[in-house]
Amino acid sequence: MNSWNGLVKATKDIEAAEIHSHSKQAGAKSINELKSGDIAQVQGIVRSVLYLPASEAPQFKFEVYDGTAMLCVIFLGRSSIIGIDPGVELKLQGRVTQDHKNLTMFNPSYTLIKDNL
């Protein structure tokens, strides 16, 4: 059983290193280096998307992973954005804030890079 755990961990570490390397080559800042108030460009993979009920104020919320950490991204006034789905790579630029324990960007500019599915 331990050999499988080592293999799974190694695979996750390799994937993280590849994502991070691609992000750094694009000139993006590592998410784990960000702090509240920074204006930064980051690049990573959309890991999860949260769709809110229609009864709530519209906001499109998702998490981006760059191989070092997760960044929460929120677009206020929108319930979705065509092309932003789990597995998609994108570049974001905006101001970083601290929302509870999570680093967050509200309404950043973005560029879709490619679909990694």
C-alpha atoms as a PDB file:
ATOM      1  CA  MET A   1       0.000   0.000   0.000  1.00  0.00           C
ATOM      2  CA  ASN A   2       2.822   2.439   0.804  1.00  0.00           C
ATOM      3  CA  SER A   3       4.330   2.029  -2.683  1.00  0.00           C
ATOM      4  CA  TRP A   4       1.033   3.225  -4.252  1.00  0.00           C
ATOM      5  CA  ASN A   5       0.944   6.267  -1.971  1.00  0.00           C
ATOM      6  CA  GLY A   6       4.477   7.147  -3.048  1.00  0.00           C
ATOM      7  CA  LEU A   7       3.549   6.784  -6.709  1.00  0.00           C
ATOM      8  CA  VAL A   8       0.443   8.962  -6.383  1.00  0.00           C
ATOM      9  CA  LYS A   9       2.370  11.630  -4.496  1.00  0.00           C
ATOM     10  CA  ALA A  10       5.165  11.576  -7.044  1.00  0.00           C
ATOM     11  CA  THR A  11       2.649  11.998  -9.883  1.00  0.00           C
ATOM     12  CA  LYS A  12       1.032  14.977  -8.142  1.00  0.00           C
ATOM     13  CA  ASP A  13       4.458  16.511  -7.493  1.00  0.00           C
ATOM     14  CA  ILE A  14       5.447  16.068 -11.142  1.00  0.00           C
ATOM     15  CA  GLU A  15       2.187  17.637 -12.343  1.00  0.00           C
ATOM     16  CA  ALA A  16       2.634  20.576  -9.941  1.00  0.00           C
ATOM     17  CA  ALA A  17       6.214  21.112 -11.115  1.00  0.00           C
ATOM     18  CA  GLU A  18       5.121  21.087 -14.776  1.00  0.00           C
ATOM     19  CA  ILE A  19       2.293  23.570 -14.173  1.00  0.00           C
ATOM     20  CA  HIS A  20       4.578  25.841 -12.153  1.00  0.00           C
ATOM     21  CA  SER A  21       7.354  25.691 -14.756  1.00  0.00           C
ATOM     22  CA  HIS A  22       4.919  26.647 -17.535  1.00  0.00           C
ATOM     23  CA  SER A  23       3.601  29.519 -15.423  1.00  0.00           C
ATOM     24  CA  LYS A  24       7.092  30.867 -14.679  1.00  0.00           C
ATOM     25  CA  GLN A  25       8.110  30.611 -18.358  1.00  0.00           C
ATOM     26  CA  ALA A  26       5.136  32.859 -19.155  1.00  0.00           C
ATOM     27  CA  GLY A  27       6.469  35.467 -16.708  1.00  0.00           C
ATOM     28  CA  ALA A  28       3.745  34.928 -14.111  1.00  0.00           C
ATOM     29  CA  LYS A  29       4.250  35.315 -10.375  1.00  0.00           C
ATOM     30  CA  SER A  30       3.867  32.212  -8.181  1.00  0.00           C
ATOM     31  CA  ILE A  31       0.593  32.220  -6.251  1.00  0.00           C
ATOM     32  CA  ASN A  32       2.359  31.140  -3.052  1.00  0.00           C
ATOM     33  CA  GLU A  33       4.421  34.369  -3.224  1.00  0.00           C
ATOM     34  CA  LEU A  34       1.395  36.678  -3.416  1.00  0.00           C
ATOM     35  CA  LYS A  35       0.113  38.808  -0.574  1.00  0.00           C
ATOM     36  CA  SER A  36      -2.941  40.984  -0.151  1.00  0.00           C
ATOM     37  CA  GLY A  37      -2.602  44.261  -2.029  1.00  0.00           C
ATOM     38  CA  ASP A  38      -0.271  42.951  -4.746  1.00  0.00           C
ATOM     39  CA  ILE A  39      -1.085  43.695  -8.357  1.00  0.00           C
ATOM     40  CA  ALA A  40       0.066  40.555 -10.103  1.00  0.00           C
ATOM     41  CA  GLN A  41      -0.063  38.410 -13.186  1.00  0.00           C
ATOM     42  CA  VAL A  42      -0.586  34.703 -12.520  1.00  0.00           C
ATOM     43  CA  GLN A  43      -1.097  31.726 -14.798  1.00  0.00           C
ATOM     44  CA  GLY A  44      -2.535  28.353 -13.936  1.00  0.00           C
ATOM     45  CA  ILE A  45      -5.160  25.686 -14.426  1.00  0.00           C
ATOM     46  CA  VAL A  46      -8.820  26.092 -13.426  1.00  0.00           C
ATOM     47  CA  ARG A  47      -9.361  23.381 -10.817  1.00  0.00           C
ATOM     48  CA  SER A  48     -12.953  24.000  -9.750  1.00  0.00           C
ATOM     49  CA  VAL A  49     -15.906  26.200 -10.645  1.00  0.00           C
ATOM     50  CA  LEU A  50     -18.686  27.193  -8.250  1.00  0.00           C
ATOM     51  CA  TYR A  51     -22.104  27.927  -9.698  1.00  0.00           C
ATOM     52  CA  LEU A  52     -24.355  29.876  -7.331  1.00  0.00           C
ATOM     53  CA  PRO A  53     -28.161  29.615  -7.212  1.00  0.00           C
ATOM     54  CA  ALA A  54     -30.080  32.061  -9.410  1.00  0.00           C
ATOM     55  CA  SER A  55     -31.644  33.529  -6.249  1.00  0.00           C
ATOM     56  CA  GLU A  56     -28.261  35.015  -5.202  1.00  0.00           C
ATOM     57  CA  ALA A  57     -26.522  38.042  -6.697  1.00  0.00           C
ATOM     58  CA  PRO A  58     -24.671  36.885  -9.816  1.00  0.00           C
ATOM     59  CA  GLN A  59     -21.011  36.023  -9.359  1.00  0.00           C
ATOM     60  CA  PHE A  60     -18.826  33.528 -11.144  1.00  0.00           C
ATOM     61  CA  LYS A  61     -16.304  31.910  -8.796  1.00  0.00           C
ATOM     62  CA  PHE A  62     -13.485  29.487  -9.568  1.00  0.00           C
ATOM     63  CA  GLU A  63     -10.073  28.353  -8.305  1.00  0.00           C
ATOM     64  CA  VAL A  64      -6.819  28.503 -10.252  1.00  0.00           C
ATOM     65  CA  TYR A  65      -3.798  26.324  -9.403  1.00  0.00           C
ATOM     66  CA  ASP A  66      -0.273  27.219 -10.589  1.00  0.00           C
ATOM     67  CA  GLY A  67       1.612  24.293  -9.049  1.00  0.00           C
ATOM     68  CA  THR A  68       2.338  26.183  -5.815  1.00  0.00           C
ATOM     69  CA  ALA A  69      -1.051  27.209  -4.398  1.00  0.00           C
ATOM     70  CA  MET A  70      -4.687  27.979  -5.216  1.00  0.00           C
ATOM     71  CA  LEU A  71      -6.102  31.410  -6.018  1.00  0.00           C
ATOM     72  CA  CYS A  72      -9.813  32.132  -5.750  1.00  0.00           C
ATOM     73  CA  VAL A  73     -11.151  34.240  -8.642  1.00  0.00           C
ATOM     74  CA  ILE A  74     -14.526  36.004  -8.498  1.00  0.00           C
ATOM     75  CA  PHE A  75     -16.272  37.884 -11.288  1.00  0.00           C
ATOM     76  CA  LEU A  76     -19.048  39.981  -9.785  1.00  0.00           C
ATOM     77  CA  GLY A  77     -22.192  40.505 -11.859  1.00  0.00           C
ATOM     78  CA  ARG A  78     -21.645  37.405 -14.014  1.00  0.00           C
ATOM     79  CA  SER A  79     -23.010  33.909 -13.557  1.00  0.00           C
ATOM     80  CA  SER A  80     -20.578  32.295 -16.031  1.00  0.00           C
ATOM     81  CA  ILE A  81     -17.867  33.029 -18.589  1.00  0.00           C
ATOM     82  CA  ILE A  82     -17.743  31.018 -21.786  1.00  0.00           C
ATOM     83  CA  GLY A  83     -14.508  29.058 -22.016  1.00  0.00           C
ATOM     84  CA  ILE A  84     -13.649  29.059 -18.312  1.00  0.00           C
ATOM     85  CA  ASP A  85     -14.152  25.485 -17.163  1.00  0.00           C
ATOM     86  CA  PRO A  86     -12.140  23.006 -15.071  1.00  0.00           C
ATOM     87  CA  GLY A  87      -8.944  21.995 -16.874  1.00  0.00           C
ATOM     88  CA  VAL A  88      -8.558  25.234 -18.828  1.00  0.00           C
ATOM     89  CA  GLU A  89      -5.302  27.147 -18.504  1.00  0.00           C
ATOM     90  CA  LEU A  90      -5.520  30.905 -18.205  1.00  0.00           C
ATOM     91  CA  LYS A  91      -3.530  34.002 -17.384  1.00  0.00           C
ATOM     92  CA  LEU A  92      -4.982  36.522 -14.920  1.00  0.00           C
ATOM     93  CA  GLN A  93      -3.946  40.026 -13.982  1.00  0.00           C
ATOM     94  CA  GLY A  94      -5.399  42.003 -11.106  1.00  0.00           C
ATOM     95  CA  ARG A  95      -5.181  43.036  -7.467  1.00  0.00           C
ATOM     96  CA  VAL A  96      -4.900  40.300  -4.869  1.00  0.00           C
ATOM     97  CA  THR A  97      -7.049  40.502  -1.752  1.00  0.00           C
ATOM     98  CA  GLN A  98      -7.448  38.283   1.295  1.00  0.00           C
ATOM     99  CA  ASP A  99     -10.984  36.869   1.544  1.00  0.00           C
ATOM    100  CA  HIS A 100     -11.157  34.954   4.837  1.00  0.00           C
ATOM    101  CA  LYS A 101      -8.147  32.620   4.513  1.00  0.00           C
ATOM    102  CA  ASN A 102      -8.079  32.601   0.699  1.00  0.00           C
ATOM    103  CA  LEU A 103      -6.105  34.801  -1.663  1.00  0.00           C
ATOM    104  CA  THR A 104      -8.644  36.205  -4.110  1.00  0.00           C
ATOM    105  CA  MET A 105      -8.788  38.307  -7.287  1.00  0.00           C
ATOM    106  CA  PHE A 106     -12.005  40.140  -8.108  1.00  0.00           C
ATOM    107  CA  ASN A 107     -12.813  40.875 -11.769  1.00  0.00           C
ATOM    108  CA  PRO A 108      -9.261  40.410 -13.105  1.00  0.00           C
ATOM    109  CA  SER A 109      -8.371  40.724 -16.764  1.00  0.00           C
ATOM    110  CA  TYR A 110      -7.874  37.260 -18.224  1.00  0.00           C
ATOM    111  CA  THR A 111      -6.600  35.402 -21.267  1.00  0.00           C
ATOM    112  CA  LEU A 112      -7.517  31.810 -22.071  1.00  0.00           C
ATOM    113  CA  ILE A 113      -4.328  29.871 -22.856  1.00  0.00           C
ATOM    114  CA  LYS A 114      -5.425  26.358 -23.785  1.00  0.00           C
ATOM    115  CA  ASP A 115      -7.655  23.480 -22.796  1.00  0.00           C
ATOM    116  CA  ASN A 116      -5.728  20.815 -20.852  1.00  0.00           C
ATOM    117  CA  LEU A 117      -8.424  18.140 -20.849  1.00  0.00           C
END
